[in-house]
Amino acid sequence: MSMKSTSPSEPRRGFLVASITGLMGIISAALALPTAGYLLGGSKHKRPADWVAAGDIAKLEPNVPEQIVFERVRRDGWKTVKEKASAWMIKTGEKEVVAYSPVCTHLGCAVSWDGAAKNFACPCHTSSFGTDGKVLAGPAPRALDRFDIKIDGTTILLGEIRQSDKA
């Protein structure tokens, strides 16, 4: 008759294996639950549009395009960058302003105001745009893009750029 003997290290080994397995389960759950919540639920809140102070409406001449340079904060993932940007603004009324992106809708060159021709001109491929932003000539496929605008007292606040429709 043979008896099987158990050494004192076998129960300890079983305890260690169970402990390590339990810890791995806790760590996996701690990593998997937030990830699953993000992937399945998405963002629970939308970040409000950032409005940037870009000028004083009282300083603009009526119906005269003026390029305004302003500073905005751009958030890209975990990185926050302050950068200079510009917009072409036209005061159309006492408390009304239109702000266009200075980027041509053809290939992204910077448009400028041609005072003699009274239009916005792209030097790269000769597109031109009226003061209403619409294409007058050239290969540009659509009108100039516009900024969202709010007026707070006399301060002009610019929001997101909205892509214009076809020319």
C-alpha atoms as a PDB file:
ATOM      1  CA  MET A   1       0.000   0.000   0.000  1.00  0.00           C
ATOM      2  CA  SER A   2       1.487   3.309  -1.011  1.00  0.00           C
ATOM      3  CA  MET A   3       0.411   6.612   0.355  1.00  0.00           C
ATOM      4  CA  LYS A   4       0.807   9.770  -1.517  1.00  0.00           C
ATOM      5  CA  SER A   5       2.502  12.441   0.515  1.00  0.00           C
ATOM      6  CA  THR A   6       1.864  16.085   0.044  1.00  0.00           C
ATOM      7  CA  SER A   7       4.630  18.513   0.589  1.00  0.00           C
ATOM      8  CA  PRO A   8       3.991  21.798   2.387  1.00  0.00           C
ATOM      9  CA  SER A   9       4.887  23.767  -0.792  1.00  0.00           C
ATOM     10  CA  GLU A  10       1.914  22.475  -2.824  1.00  0.00           C
ATOM     11  CA  PRO A  11      -0.829  24.374  -0.935  1.00  0.00           C
ATOM     12  CA  ARG A  12       1.362  27.487  -0.989  1.00  0.00           C
ATOM     13  CA  ARG A  13       1.886  27.121  -4.758  1.00  0.00           C
ATOM     14  CA  GLY A  14      -1.867  26.833  -5.309  1.00  0.00           C
ATOM     15  CA  PHE A  15      -2.450  29.946  -3.224  1.00  0.00           C
ATOM     16  CA  LEU A  16       0.149  31.932  -5.209  1.00  0.00           C
ATOM     17  CA  VAL A  17      -1.307  30.811  -8.552  1.00  0.00           C
ATOM     18  CA  ALA A  18      -4.818  31.784  -7.423  1.00  0.00           C
ATOM     19  CA  SER A  19      -3.564  35.152  -6.119  1.00  0.00           C
ATOM     20  CA  ILE A  20      -1.733  36.005  -9.354  1.00  0.00           C
ATOM     21  CA  THR A  21      -4.731  34.947 -11.440  1.00  0.00           C
ATOM     22  CA  GLY A  22      -7.022  37.096  -9.300  1.00  0.00           C
ATOM     23  CA  LEU A  23      -4.719  40.131  -9.607  1.00  0.00           C
ATOM     24  CA  MET A  24      -4.558  39.702 -13.391  1.00  0.00           C
ATOM     25  CA  GLY A  25      -8.361  39.619 -13.503  1.00  0.00           C
ATOM     26  CA  ILE A  26      -8.643  42.828 -11.435  1.00  0.00           C
ATOM     27  CA  ILE A  27      -6.083  44.644 -13.624  1.00  0.00           C
ATOM     28  CA  SER A  28      -7.792  43.446 -16.825  1.00  0.00           C
ATOM     29  CA  ALA A  29     -11.178  44.657 -15.578  1.00  0.00           C
ATOM     30  CA  ALA A  30      -9.685  48.011 -14.523  1.00  0.00           C
ATOM     31  CA  LEU A  31      -8.362  48.488 -18.064  1.00  0.00           C
ATOM     32  CA  ALA A  32     -11.282  46.978 -19.983  1.00  0.00           C
ATOM     33  CA  LEU A  33     -14.236  48.751 -18.301  1.00  0.00           C
ATOM     34  CA  PRO A  34     -13.254  52.363 -19.164  1.00  0.00           C
ATOM     35  CA  THR A  35     -12.201  51.321 -22.655  1.00  0.00           C
ATOM     36  CA  ALA A  36     -15.488  49.531 -23.287  1.00  0.00           C
ATOM     37  CA  GLY A  37     -17.429  52.503 -21.904  1.00  0.00           C
ATOM     38  CA  TYR A  38     -15.605  54.879 -24.249  1.00  0.00           C
ATOM     39  CA  LEU A  39     -15.999  52.657 -27.310  1.00  0.00           C
ATOM     40  CA  LEU A  40     -19.643  51.778 -26.700  1.00  0.00           C
ATOM     41  CA  GLY A  41     -20.890  55.007 -25.165  1.00  0.00           C
ATOM     42  CA  GLY A  42     -18.798  57.580 -26.962  1.00  0.00           C
ATOM     43  CA  SER A  43     -18.387  61.020 -25.528  1.00  0.00           C
ATOM     44  CA  LYS A  44     -21.079  61.961 -23.044  1.00  0.00           C
ATOM     45  CA  HIS A  45     -20.578  65.659 -23.626  1.00  0.00           C
ATOM     46  CA  LYS A  46     -19.696  67.771 -26.583  1.00  0.00           C
ATOM     47  CA  ARG A  47     -17.163  70.504 -26.122  1.00  0.00           C
ATOM     48  CA  PRO A  48     -18.768  73.896 -26.673  1.00  0.00           C
ATOM     49  CA  ALA A  49     -17.555  75.889 -29.648  1.00  0.00           C
ATOM     50  CA  ASP A  50     -14.613  78.098 -28.810  1.00  0.00           C
ATOM     51  CA  TRP A  51     -15.321  81.739 -29.501  1.00  0.00           C
ATOM     52  CA  VAL A  52     -12.337  84.009 -30.087  1.00  0.00           C
ATOM     53  CA  ALA A  53     -12.323  87.781 -29.706  1.00  0.00           C
ATOM     54  CA  ALA A  54     -11.163  89.058 -33.092  1.00  0.00           C
ATOM     55  CA  GLY A  55     -11.758  92.792 -33.138  1.00  0.00           C
ATOM     56  CA  ASP A  56     -13.947  95.778 -32.433  1.00  0.00           C
ATOM     57  CA  ILE A  57     -16.914  96.376 -34.733  1.00  0.00           C
ATOM     58  CA  ALA A  58     -16.708 100.124 -34.095  1.00  0.00           C
ATOM     59  CA  LYS A  59     -13.257 100.243 -35.743  1.00  0.00           C
ATOM     60  CA  LEU A  60     -14.417  98.690 -39.035  1.00  0.00           C
ATOM     61  CA  GLU A  61     -15.442 100.884 -41.943  1.00  0.00           C
ATOM     62  CA  PRO A  62     -18.790  99.912 -43.498  1.00  0.00           C
ATOM     63  CA  ASN A  63     -18.550  97.767 -46.658  1.00  0.00           C
ATOM     64  CA  VAL A  64     -14.713  97.840 -46.703  1.00  0.00           C
ATOM     65  CA  PRO A  65     -13.009  94.428 -46.345  1.00  0.00           C
ATOM     66  CA  GLU A  66     -10.315  94.368 -43.697  1.00  0.00           C
ATOM     67  CA  GLN A  67      -8.012  91.505 -42.809  1.00  0.00           C
ATOM     68  CA  ILE A  68      -8.036  90.917 -39.049  1.00  0.00           C
ATOM     69  CA  VAL A  69      -5.283  88.899 -37.356  1.00  0.00           C
ATOM     70  CA  PHE A  70      -6.209  87.232 -34.074  1.00  0.00           C
ATOM     71  CA  GLU A  71      -4.875  84.571 -31.738  1.00  0.00           C
ATOM     72  CA  ARG A  72      -6.739  81.336 -31.160  1.00  0.00           C
ATOM     73  CA  VAL A  73      -6.157  78.233 -29.067  1.00  0.00           C
ATOM     74  CA  ARG A  74      -6.247  74.928 -30.908  1.00  0.00           C
ATOM     75  CA  ARG A  75      -6.622  71.702 -28.955  1.00  0.00           C
ATOM     76  CA  ASP A  76      -5.274  68.633 -30.698  1.00  0.00           C
ATOM     77  CA  GLY A  77      -5.557  65.547 -28.520  1.00  0.00           C
ATOM     78  CA  TRP A  78      -3.560  66.345 -25.391  1.00  0.00           C
ATOM     79  CA  LYS A  79      -1.688  69.241 -26.977  1.00  0.00           C
ATOM     80  CA  THR A  80      -2.868  72.846 -26.736  1.00  0.00           C
ATOM     81  CA  VAL A  81      -1.348  75.330 -29.182  1.00  0.00           C
ATOM     82  CA  LYS A  82      -1.747  79.101 -29.428  1.00  0.00           C
ATOM     83  CA  GLU A  83      -1.573  80.220 -33.040  1.00  0.00           C
ATOM     84  CA  LYS A  84      -2.191  83.302 -35.116  1.00  0.00           C
ATOM     85  CA  ALA A  85      -5.021  83.204 -37.615  1.00  0.00           C
ATOM     86  CA  SER A  86      -6.760  85.732 -39.814  1.00  0.00           C
ATOM     87  CA  ALA A  87     -10.127  86.489 -41.341  1.00  0.00           C
ATOM     88  CA  TRP A  88     -11.454  88.924 -43.909  1.00  0.00           C
ATOM     89  CA  MET A  89     -14.208  90.962 -42.247  1.00  0.00           C
ATOM     90  CA  ILE A  90     -16.776  93.213 -43.845  1.00  0.00           C
ATOM     91  CA  LYS A  91     -19.056  95.383 -41.729  1.00  0.00           C
ATOM     92  CA  THR A  92     -22.447  95.175 -43.436  1.00  0.00           C
ATOM     93  CA  GLY A  93     -24.552  96.999 -40.846  1.00  0.00           C
ATOM     94  CA  GLU A  94     -24.379  98.780 -37.501  1.00  0.00           C
ATOM     95  CA  LYS A  95     -24.144  95.446 -35.615  1.00  0.00           C
ATOM     96  CA  GLU A  96     -23.596  93.088 -38.560  1.00  0.00           C
ATOM     97  CA  VAL A  97     -20.317  91.642 -39.797  1.00  0.00           C
ATOM     98  CA  VAL A  98     -19.408  88.888 -42.255  1.00  0.00           C
ATOM     99  CA  ALA A  99     -16.081  87.090 -41.776  1.00  0.00           C
ATOM    100  CA  TYR A 100     -14.531  84.975 -44.521  1.00  0.00           C
ATOM    101  CA  SER A 101     -11.720  82.477 -44.277  1.00  0.00           C
ATOM    102  CA  PRO A 102      -8.636  83.834 -46.085  1.00  0.00           C
ATOM    103  CA  VAL A 103      -8.118  80.467 -47.793  1.00  0.00           C
ATOM    104  CA  CYS A 104      -9.061  79.929 -51.444  1.00  0.00           C
ATOM    105  CA  THR A 105     -11.471  77.029 -51.886  1.00  0.00           C
ATOM    106  CA  HIS A 106      -9.537  75.762 -54.919  1.00  0.00           C
ATOM    107  CA  LEU A 107      -6.162  74.671 -53.548  1.00  0.00           C
ATOM    108  CA  GLY A 108      -5.793  76.595 -50.291  1.00  0.00           C
ATOM    109  CA  CYS A 109      -3.748  79.638 -51.297  1.00  0.00           C
ATOM    110  CA  ALA A 110      -4.243  82.846 -49.314  1.00  0.00           C
ATOM    111  CA  VAL A 111      -6.682  85.296 -50.896  1.00  0.00           C
ATOM    112  CA  SER A 112      -6.165  89.043 -50.661  1.00  0.00           C
ATOM    113  CA  TRP A 113      -8.323  92.074 -51.274  1.00  0.00           C
ATOM    114  CA  ASP A 114      -7.804  93.737 -54.668  1.00  0.00           C
ATOM    115  CA  GLY A 115      -9.002  97.300 -54.066  1.00  0.00           C
ATOM    116  CA  ALA A 116      -8.792  98.271 -57.744  1.00  0.00           C
ATOM    117  CA  ALA A 117     -10.935  95.348 -58.925  1.00  0.00           C
ATOM    118  CA  LYS A 118     -13.033  95.403 -55.716  1.00  0.00           C
ATOM    119  CA  ASN A 119     -12.829  91.647 -55.187  1.00  0.00           C
ATOM    120  CA  PHE A 120     -10.874  88.991 -53.329  1.00  0.00           C
ATOM    121  CA  ALA A 121      -8.148  87.530 -55.543  1.00  0.00           C
ATOM    122  CA  CYS A 122      -6.224  84.279 -55.325  1.00  0.00           C
ATOM    123  CA  PRO A 123      -2.706  84.684 -56.743  1.00  0.00           C
ATOM    124  CA  CYS A 124      -2.173  80.965 -57.410  1.00  0.00           C
ATOM    125  CA  HIS A 125      -4.783  80.179 -60.083  1.00  0.00           C
ATOM    126  CA  THR A 126      -6.578  83.521 -60.623  1.00  0.00           C
ATOM    127  CA  SER A 127      -9.806  82.712 -58.822  1.00  0.00           C
ATOM    128  CA  SER A 128     -11.690  85.805 -57.697  1.00  0.00           C
ATOM    129  CA  PHE A 129     -14.516  86.253 -55.206  1.00  0.00           C
ATOM    130  CA  GLY A 130     -17.037  89.049 -54.648  1.00  0.00           C
ATOM    131  CA  THR A 131     -17.680  90.784 -51.335  1.00  0.00           C
ATOM    132  CA  ASP A 132     -20.499  88.273 -50.812  1.00  0.00           C
ATOM    133  CA  GLY A 133     -17.870  85.487 -51.005  1.00  0.00           C
ATOM    134  CA  LYS A 134     -19.225  84.025 -54.245  1.00  0.00           C
ATOM    135  CA  VAL A 135     -16.912  82.922 -57.054  1.00  0.00           C
ATOM    136  CA  LEU A 136     -16.581  85.533 -59.816  1.00  0.00           C
ATOM    137  CA  ALA A 137     -13.941  83.770 -61.935  1.00  0.00           C
ATOM    138  CA  GLY A 138     -11.416  80.975 -61.893  1.00  0.00           C
ATOM    139  CA  PRO A 139     -11.269  77.322 -60.951  1.00  0.00           C
ATOM    140  CA  ALA A 140     -12.512  77.699 -57.352  1.00  0.00           C
ATOM    141  CA  PRO A 141     -15.329  75.146 -56.885  1.00  0.00           C
ATOM    142  CA  ARG A 142     -17.282  77.086 -54.228  1.00  0.00           C
ATOM    143  CA  ALA A 143     -17.609  80.391 -52.414  1.00  0.00           C
ATOM    144  CA  LEU A 144     -15.281  81.447 -49.605  1.00  0.00           C
ATOM    145  CA  ASP A 145     -15.889  79.679 -46.319  1.00  0.00           C
ATOM    146  CA  ARG A 146     -17.388  81.771 -43.480  1.00  0.00           C
ATOM    147  CA  PHE A 147     -16.766  82.023 -39.773  1.00  0.00           C
ATOM    148  CA  ASP A 148     -19.631  81.777 -37.293  1.00  0.00           C
ATOM    149  CA  ILE A 149     -19.982  85.234 -35.703  1.00  0.00           C
ATOM    150  CA  LYS A 150     -21.358  86.642 -32.465  1.00  0.00           C
ATOM    151  CA  ILE A 151     -21.272  90.278 -31.413  1.00  0.00           C
ATOM    152  CA  ASP A 152     -20.799  90.948 -27.684  1.00  0.00           C
ATOM    153  CA  GLY A 153     -21.154  94.694 -27.155  1.00  0.00           C
ATOM    154  CA  THR A 154     -18.690  95.944 -29.748  1.00  0.00           C
ATOM    155  CA  THR A 155     -16.434  92.863 -29.664  1.00  0.00           C
ATOM    156  CA  ILE A 156     -16.554  90.536 -32.656  1.00  0.00           C
ATOM    157  CA  LEU A 157     -16.348  86.878 -31.642  1.00  0.00           C
ATOM    158  CA  LEU A 158     -15.426  84.278 -34.245  1.00  0.00           C
ATOM    159  CA  GLY A 159     -16.412  80.620 -33.970  1.00  0.00           C
ATOM    160  CA  GLU A 160     -15.994  77.694 -36.326  1.00  0.00           C
ATOM    161  CA  ILE A 161     -15.424  78.008 -40.058  1.00  0.00           C
ATOM    162  CA  ARG A 162     -18.421  76.743 -42.045  1.00  0.00           C
ATOM    163  CA  GLN A 163     -17.801  75.308 -45.479  1.00  0.00           C
ATOM    164  CA  SER A 164     -19.749  77.117 -48.155  1.00  0.00           C
ATOM    165  CA  ASP A 165     -21.962  75.464 -50.731  1.00  0.00           C
ATOM    166  CA  LYS A 166     -21.024  74.997 -54.371  1.00  0.00           C
ATOM    167  CA  ALA A 167     -20.295  78.100 -56.418  1.00  0.00           C
END
